Amino acid sequence: MGNAALLIFITFFIATNIVAITTMFIDKERSRKDGTQRIPEGILFFMAAAFGSFGIYAGMFLLHHKIRKWYFLVGIPILMIENLAFLYLTYAFISGDRLIH
């Protein structure tokens, strides 16, 4: 089950981050147009907390979007650490690895 679980986690993680960076792209395009409904920052943070933090972070710097907001510059890297820790602990639990020997 270890390799299958790892493949599932990697696929989920990549798909979530593709959706996240696409959402950042859509919001960046909408920010250039007057009167267009933007994607709320809360949604972007939710996506980052729901394993899309690497996509949001990549979108920040590749698209130069939200890089002036201190709470994005601080919060998204913290969520990246949280995402990795949760994925590691979940994988270890599913695969039966002991965390402490």
N, C-alpha and C. Protein backbone atom coordinates (compact mmCIF):
# COMPACT_ATOMS: atom_id res chain seq x y z
N MET A 1 0.82 -1.21 0.00
CA MET A 1 0.00 0.00 0.00
C MET A 1 0.85 1.26 0.00
N GLY A 2 2.12 1.16 0.39
CA GLY A 2 2.96 2.34 0.51
C GLY A 2 3.14 3.09 -0.79
N ASN A 3 3.48 2.41 -1.88
CA ASN A 3 3.71 3.08 -3.17
C ASN A 3 2.42 3.63 -3.75
N ALA A 4 1.31 2.89 -3.60
CA ALA A 4 0.02 3.37 -4.11
C ALA A 4 -0.41 4.62 -3.34
N ALA A 5 -0.23 4.61 -2.03
CA ALA A 5 -0.59 5.77 -1.22
C ALA A 5 0.25 6.98 -1.59
N LEU A 6 1.54 6.76 -1.79
CA LEU A 6 2.42 7.85 -2.18
C LEU A 6 2.01 8.44 -3.52
N LEU A 7 1.68 7.60 -4.48
CA LEU A 7 1.24 8.07 -5.79
C LEU A 7 -0.05 8.89 -5.68
N ILE A 8 -0.97 8.44 -4.85
CA ILE A 8 -2.23 9.17 -4.65
C ILE A 8 -1.94 10.54 -4.04
N PHE A 9 -1.09 10.59 -3.02
CA PHE A 9 -0.77 11.87 -2.39
C PHE A 9 -0.08 12.82 -3.35
N ILE A 10 0.85 12.33 -4.12
CA ILE A 10 1.57 13.18 -5.07
C ILE A 10 0.62 13.71 -6.14
N THR A 11 -0.24 12.85 -6.66
CA THR A 11 -1.21 13.27 -7.68
C THR A 11 -2.16 14.33 -7.12
N PHE A 12 -2.68 14.09 -5.93
CA PHE A 12 -3.58 15.06 -5.28
C PHE A 12 -2.88 16.39 -5.05
N PHE A 13 -1.65 16.33 -4.56
CA PHE A 13 -0.89 17.53 -4.26
C PHE A 13 -0.63 18.35 -5.53
N ILE A 14 -0.23 17.69 -6.60
CA ILE A 14 0.04 18.38 -7.86
C ILE A 14 -1.24 18.98 -8.44
N ALA A 15 -2.32 18.22 -8.44
CA ALA A 15 -3.59 18.71 -8.99
C ALA A 15 -4.09 19.92 -8.20
N THR A 16 -4.00 19.86 -6.89
CA THR A 16 -4.44 20.98 -6.04
C THR A 16 -3.62 22.23 -6.32
N ASN A 17 -2.33 22.07 -6.51
CA ASN A 17 -1.48 23.23 -6.77
C ASN A 17 -1.65 23.79 -8.17
N ILE A 18 -1.99 22.95 -9.12
CA ILE A 18 -2.32 23.45 -10.47
C ILE A 18 -3.59 24.30 -10.41
N VAL A 19 -4.58 23.83 -9.67
CA VAL A 19 -5.81 24.62 -9.50
C VAL A 19 -5.50 25.94 -8.79
N ALA A 20 -4.63 25.91 -7.80
CA ALA A 20 -4.29 27.12 -7.04
C ALA A 20 -3.58 28.15 -7.91
N ILE A 21 -2.60 27.74 -8.69
CA ILE A 21 -1.88 28.71 -9.53
C ILE A 21 -2.79 29.22 -10.65
N THR A 22 -3.70 28.38 -11.12
CA THR A 22 -4.66 28.83 -12.13
C THR A 22 -5.60 29.87 -11.54
N THR A 23 -6.00 29.66 -10.30
CA THR A 23 -6.86 30.64 -9.61
C THR A 23 -6.13 31.96 -9.44
N MET A 24 -4.86 31.91 -9.10
CA MET A 24 -4.07 33.15 -8.99
C MET A 24 -3.99 33.85 -10.35
N PHE A 25 -3.82 33.09 -11.42
CA PHE A 25 -3.77 33.67 -12.76
C PHE A 25 -5.09 34.35 -13.11
N ILE A 26 -6.20 33.68 -12.80
CA ILE A 26 -7.51 34.26 -13.08
C ILE A 26 -7.70 35.55 -12.30
N ASP A 27 -7.32 35.56 -11.02
CA ASP A 27 -7.47 36.78 -10.22
C ASP A 27 -6.56 37.88 -10.72
N LYS A 28 -5.36 37.54 -11.16
CA LYS A 28 -4.45 38.55 -11.70
C LYS A 28 -5.04 39.18 -12.96
N GLU A 29 -5.61 38.36 -13.83
CA GLU A 29 -6.24 38.89 -15.04
C GLU A 29 -7.43 39.78 -14.69
N ARG A 30 -8.22 39.36 -13.72
CA ARG A 30 -9.37 40.17 -13.30
C ARG A 30 -8.94 41.48 -12.65
N SER A 31 -7.76 41.49 -12.02
CA SER A 31 -7.30 42.71 -11.36
C SER A 31 -6.94 43.80 -12.37
N ARG A 32 -6.69 43.40 -13.59
CA ARG A 32 -6.33 44.37 -14.64
C ARG A 32 -7.55 45.02 -15.28
N LYS A 33 -8.73 44.45 -15.02
CA LYS A 33 -9.95 44.96 -15.64
C LYS A 33 -10.81 45.65 -14.60
N ASP A 34 -11.33 46.84 -14.94
CA ASP A 34 -12.21 47.55 -14.02
C ASP A 34 -13.58 46.90 -13.98
N GLY A 35 -14.16 46.84 -12.78
CA GLY A 35 -15.51 46.34 -12.63
C GLY A 35 -15.68 44.84 -12.69
N THR A 36 -14.58 44.11 -12.73
CA THR A 36 -14.65 42.66 -12.78
C THR A 36 -14.62 42.11 -11.35
N GLN A 37 -15.44 41.10 -11.10
CA GLN A 37 -15.48 40.52 -9.76
C GLN A 37 -14.21 39.71 -9.51
N ARG A 38 -13.53 40.07 -8.42
CA ARG A 38 -12.26 39.43 -8.06
C ARG A 38 -12.50 38.20 -7.19
N ILE A 39 -11.48 37.39 -7.09
CA ILE A 39 -11.51 36.24 -6.19
C ILE A 39 -11.10 36.74 -4.81
N PRO A 40 -11.93 36.53 -3.78
CA PRO A 40 -11.59 37.05 -2.44
C PRO A 40 -10.29 36.45 -1.91
N GLU A 41 -9.55 37.27 -1.16
CA GLU A 41 -8.29 36.81 -0.58
C GLU A 41 -8.52 35.63 0.36
N GLY A 42 -9.66 35.58 1.01
CA GLY A 42 -9.98 34.46 1.89
C GLY A 42 -10.03 33.14 1.14
N ILE A 43 -10.52 33.18 -0.09
CA ILE A 43 -10.56 31.96 -0.92
C ILE A 43 -9.14 31.54 -1.27
N LEU A 44 -8.28 32.50 -1.57
CA LEU A 44 -6.89 32.16 -1.90
C LEU A 44 -6.19 31.54 -0.69
N PHE A 45 -6.45 32.09 0.50
CA PHE A 45 -5.86 31.50 1.71
C PHE A 45 -6.46 30.13 2.01
N PHE A 46 -7.75 29.95 1.75
CA PHE A 46 -8.36 28.64 1.95
C PHE A 46 -7.71 27.61 1.03
N MET A 47 -7.51 28.00 -0.22
CA MET A 47 -6.87 27.08 -1.17
C MET A 47 -5.46 26.74 -0.70
N ALA A 48 -4.74 27.72 -0.16
CA ALA A 48 -3.40 27.46 0.35
C ALA A 48 -3.44 26.50 1.53
N ALA A 49 -4.41 26.68 2.42
CA ALA A 49 -4.54 25.79 3.57
C ALA A 49 -4.96 24.39 3.15
N ALA A 50 -5.69 24.30 2.04
CA ALA A 50 -6.17 23.00 1.54
C ALA A 50 -5.18 22.43 0.53
N PHE A 51 -3.90 22.50 0.87
CA PHE A 51 -2.80 21.88 0.13
C PHE A 51 -2.43 22.57 -1.18
N GLY A 52 -2.87 23.80 -1.39
CA GLY A 52 -2.50 24.52 -2.60
C GLY A 52 -1.49 25.63 -2.34
N SER A 53 -0.79 25.56 -1.22
CA SER A 53 0.11 26.65 -0.83
C SER A 53 1.27 26.85 -1.80
N PHE A 54 1.77 25.76 -2.36
CA PHE A 54 2.89 25.90 -3.30
C PHE A 54 2.42 26.56 -4.60
N GLY A 55 1.22 26.27 -5.04
CA GLY A 55 0.66 26.91 -6.23
C GLY A 55 0.39 28.39 -6.00
N ILE A 56 -0.14 28.72 -4.82
CA ILE A 56 -0.37 30.13 -4.49
C ILE A 56 0.96 30.88 -4.41
N TYR A 57 1.94 30.27 -3.77
CA TYR A 57 3.26 30.90 -3.63
C TYR A 57 3.92 31.10 -4.99
N ALA A 58 3.84 30.08 -5.83
CA ALA A 58 4.41 30.21 -7.18
C ALA A 58 3.68 31.31 -7.95
N GLY A 59 2.36 31.36 -7.83
CA GLY A 59 1.59 32.40 -8.51
C GLY A 59 1.94 33.79 -8.03
N MET A 60 2.25 33.91 -6.74
CA MET A 60 2.63 35.22 -6.21
C MET A 60 3.84 35.78 -6.94
N PHE A 61 4.83 34.95 -7.14
CA PHE A 61 6.09 35.46 -7.70
C PHE A 61 6.17 35.35 -9.22
N LEU A 62 5.58 34.32 -9.79
CA LEU A 62 5.58 34.22 -11.25
C LEU A 62 4.68 35.26 -11.89
N LEU A 63 3.56 35.56 -11.23
CA LEU A 63 2.59 36.52 -11.77
C LEU A 63 2.70 37.90 -11.13
N HIS A 64 3.58 38.05 -10.15
CA HIS A 64 3.71 39.30 -9.38
C HIS A 64 2.35 39.72 -8.83
N HIS A 65 1.70 38.78 -8.16
CA HIS A 65 0.36 39.00 -7.64
C HIS A 65 0.34 38.78 -6.14
N LYS A 66 -0.15 39.76 -5.41
CA LYS A 66 -0.27 39.74 -3.95
C LYS A 66 1.08 39.78 -3.24
N ILE A 67 2.13 40.21 -3.93
CA ILE A 67 3.45 40.22 -3.31
C ILE A 67 3.66 41.43 -2.41
N ARG A 68 2.77 42.39 -2.45
CA ARG A 68 2.88 43.56 -1.57
C ARG A 68 2.10 43.38 -0.27
N LYS A 69 1.37 42.32 -0.17
CA LYS A 69 0.56 42.06 1.02
C LYS A 69 1.40 41.26 2.01
N TRP A 70 1.67 41.84 3.19
CA TRP A 70 2.53 41.19 4.16
C TRP A 70 1.95 39.86 4.62
N TYR A 71 0.62 39.78 4.72
CA TYR A 71 0.02 38.55 5.22
C TYR A 71 0.12 37.41 4.21
N PHE A 72 0.30 37.71 2.94
CA PHE A 72 0.59 36.67 1.96
C PHE A 72 2.07 36.28 2.04
N LEU A 73 2.95 37.25 2.18
CA LEU A 73 4.38 36.96 2.26
C LEU A 73 4.75 36.15 3.49
N VAL A 74 4.01 36.31 4.57
CA VAL A 74 4.28 35.57 5.80
C VAL A 74 3.41 34.31 5.88
N GLY A 75 2.13 34.47 5.58
CA GLY A 75 1.17 33.39 5.79
C GLY A 75 1.33 32.21 4.85
N ILE A 76 1.61 32.46 3.60
CA ILE A 76 1.69 31.36 2.63
C ILE A 76 2.89 30.44 2.93
N PRO A 77 4.08 30.96 3.24
CA PRO A 77 5.16 30.03 3.62
C PRO A 77 4.84 29.21 4.87
N ILE A 78 4.13 29.80 5.83
CA ILE A 78 3.71 29.04 7.02
C ILE A 78 2.76 27.92 6.60
N LEU A 79 1.85 28.22 5.69
CA LEU A 79 0.93 27.18 5.22
C LEU A 79 1.65 26.12 4.39
N MET A 80 2.74 26.49 3.74
CA MET A 80 3.54 25.49 3.01
C MET A 80 4.12 24.47 3.99
N ILE A 81 4.63 24.95 5.11
CA ILE A 81 5.16 24.05 6.14
C ILE A 81 4.04 23.18 6.70
N GLU A 82 2.89 23.77 6.96
CA GLU A 82 1.74 23.02 7.48
C GLU A 82 1.30 21.95 6.48
N ASN A 83 1.24 22.30 5.21
CA ASN A 83 0.85 21.34 4.18
C ASN A 83 1.80 20.15 4.14
N LEU A 84 3.08 20.42 4.13
CA LEU A 84 4.07 19.34 4.08
C LEU A 84 4.00 18.46 5.33
N ALA A 85 3.86 19.08 6.49
CA ALA A 85 3.78 18.30 7.73
C ALA A 85 2.55 17.41 7.74
N PHE A 86 1.41 17.95 7.34
CA PHE A 86 0.18 17.16 7.34
C PHE A 86 0.27 16.02 6.33
N LEU A 87 0.79 16.30 5.15
CA LEU A 87 0.93 15.24 4.15
C LEU A 87 1.88 14.14 4.63
N TYR A 88 2.98 14.54 5.26
CA TYR A 88 3.92 13.54 5.76
C TYR A 88 3.28 12.69 6.85
N LEU A 89 2.61 13.31 7.80
CA LEU A 89 1.99 12.56 8.89
C LEU A 89 0.88 11.65 8.37
N THR A 90 0.11 12.12 7.43
CA THR A 90 -0.96 11.29 6.86
C THR A 90 -0.37 10.10 6.10
N TYR A 91 0.65 10.35 5.32
CA TYR A 91 1.30 9.27 4.58
C TYR A 91 1.91 8.25 5.55
N ALA A 92 2.57 8.73 6.59
CA ALA A 92 3.18 7.83 7.57
C ALA A 92 2.11 6.99 8.26
N PHE A 93 0.98 7.59 8.56
CA PHE A 93 -0.10 6.85 9.20
C PHE A 93 -0.67 5.78 8.28
N ILE A 94 -0.94 6.15 7.03
CA ILE A 94 -1.53 5.21 6.08
C ILE A 94 -0.55 4.07 5.75
N SER A 95 0.72 4.42 5.58
CA SER A 95 1.69 3.39 5.19
C SER A 95 2.14 2.54 6.37
N GLY A 96 1.78 2.95 7.58
CA GLY A 96 2.14 2.17 8.75
C GLY A 96 3.53 2.45 9.29
N ASP A 97 4.18 3.48 8.77
CA ASP A 97 5.52 3.85 9.27
C ASP A 97 5.40 4.38 10.69
N ARG A 98 6.34 3.99 11.52
CA ARG A 98 6.38 4.53 12.87
C ARG A 98 7.12 5.86 12.81
N LEU A 99 6.55 6.88 13.40
CA LEU A 99 7.17 8.20 13.39
C LEU A 99 8.30 8.30 14.41
N ILE A 100 8.12 7.62 15.54
CA ILE A 100 9.13 7.62 16.58
C ILE A 100 9.56 6.18 16.81
N HIS A 101 10.85 5.94 16.69
CA HIS A 101 11.36 4.56 16.84
C HIS A 101 11.89 4.35 18.22
